[in-house]
Amino acid sequence: MGLFKFVTNGFINFFGITQPTPQHERQAIWFITGLLVLIVLGAAVVFGVIVMAFGR
């Protein structure tokens, strides 16, 4: 959980989002980390489609 918390805190501090309360911290960790993972996977899929379509 340490890495997820580190990534979430970095995201929150970078974008100036209000810090979550201790009760909501775990939910925020999963939500923000999940969204970041989806964005990275989506970008990888788009990259793969472009390489397959225009490769060679």
Protein backbone atom coordinates (compact mmCIF):
# COMPACT_ATOMS: atom_id res chain seq x y z
CA MET A 1 0.00 0.00 0.00
CA GLY A 2 3.01 2.29 0.47
CA LEU A 3 3.64 2.73 -3.26
CA PHE A 4 -0.04 3.44 -3.96
CA LYS A 5 -0.15 5.99 -1.15
CA PHE A 6 3.03 7.64 -2.47
CA VAL A 7 1.59 7.90 -6.00
CA THR A 8 -1.73 9.21 -4.70
CA ASN A 9 -0.11 11.82 -2.48
CA GLY A 10 2.07 12.95 -5.37
CA PHE A 11 -0.98 13.28 -7.61
CA ILE A 12 -2.95 15.17 -4.96
CA ASN A 13 -0.08 17.55 -4.21
CA PHE A 14 0.79 18.13 -7.88
CA PHE A 15 -2.75 19.11 -8.85
CA GLY A 16 -3.52 20.93 -5.59
CA ILE A 17 -6.44 18.70 -4.63
CA THR A 18 -7.70 18.91 -1.05
CA GLN A 19 -6.21 16.14 1.09
CA PRO A 20 -8.76 13.42 1.90
CA THR A 21 -9.79 12.79 5.48
CA PRO A 22 -8.24 9.75 7.17
CA GLN A 23 -11.57 7.94 6.74
CA HIS A 24 -11.57 8.53 2.97
CA GLU A 25 -7.85 8.12 2.37
CA ARG A 26 -8.03 4.42 1.41
CA GLN A 27 -10.88 5.08 -1.02
CA ALA A 28 -8.94 7.96 -2.59
CA ILE A 29 -5.84 5.78 -2.93
CA TRP A 30 -7.72 3.10 -4.87
CA PHE A 31 -9.68 5.60 -6.98
CA ILE A 32 -6.73 7.75 -8.09
CA THR A 33 -4.38 4.80 -8.62
CA GLY A 34 -7.07 2.95 -10.58
CA LEU A 35 -7.67 5.92 -12.85
CA LEU A 36 -3.95 6.37 -13.47
CA VAL A 37 -3.60 2.67 -14.34
CA LEU A 38 -6.54 2.92 -16.77
CA ILE A 39 -4.99 5.96 -18.45
CA VAL A 40 -1.62 4.21 -18.86
CA LEU A 41 -3.28 1.04 -20.23
CA GLY A 42 -5.44 3.09 -22.60
CA ALA A 43 -2.39 4.93 -23.92
CA ALA A 44 -0.59 1.60 -24.42
CA VAL A 45 -3.55 0.20 -26.37
CA VAL A 46 -3.71 3.31 -28.59
CA PHE A 47 0.04 3.10 -29.16
CA GLY A 48 -0.25 -0.59 -30.03
CA VAL A 49 -3.07 0.04 -32.51
CA ILE A 50 -1.11 2.82 -34.19
CA VAL A 51 2.01 0.65 -34.44
CA MET A 52 -0.01 -2.26 -35.87
CA ALA A 53 -1.84 -0.02 -38.35
CA PHE A 54 1.09 2.02 -39.58
CA GLY A 55 4.06 -0.22 -38.76
CA ARG A 56 6.57 -1.44 -41.29
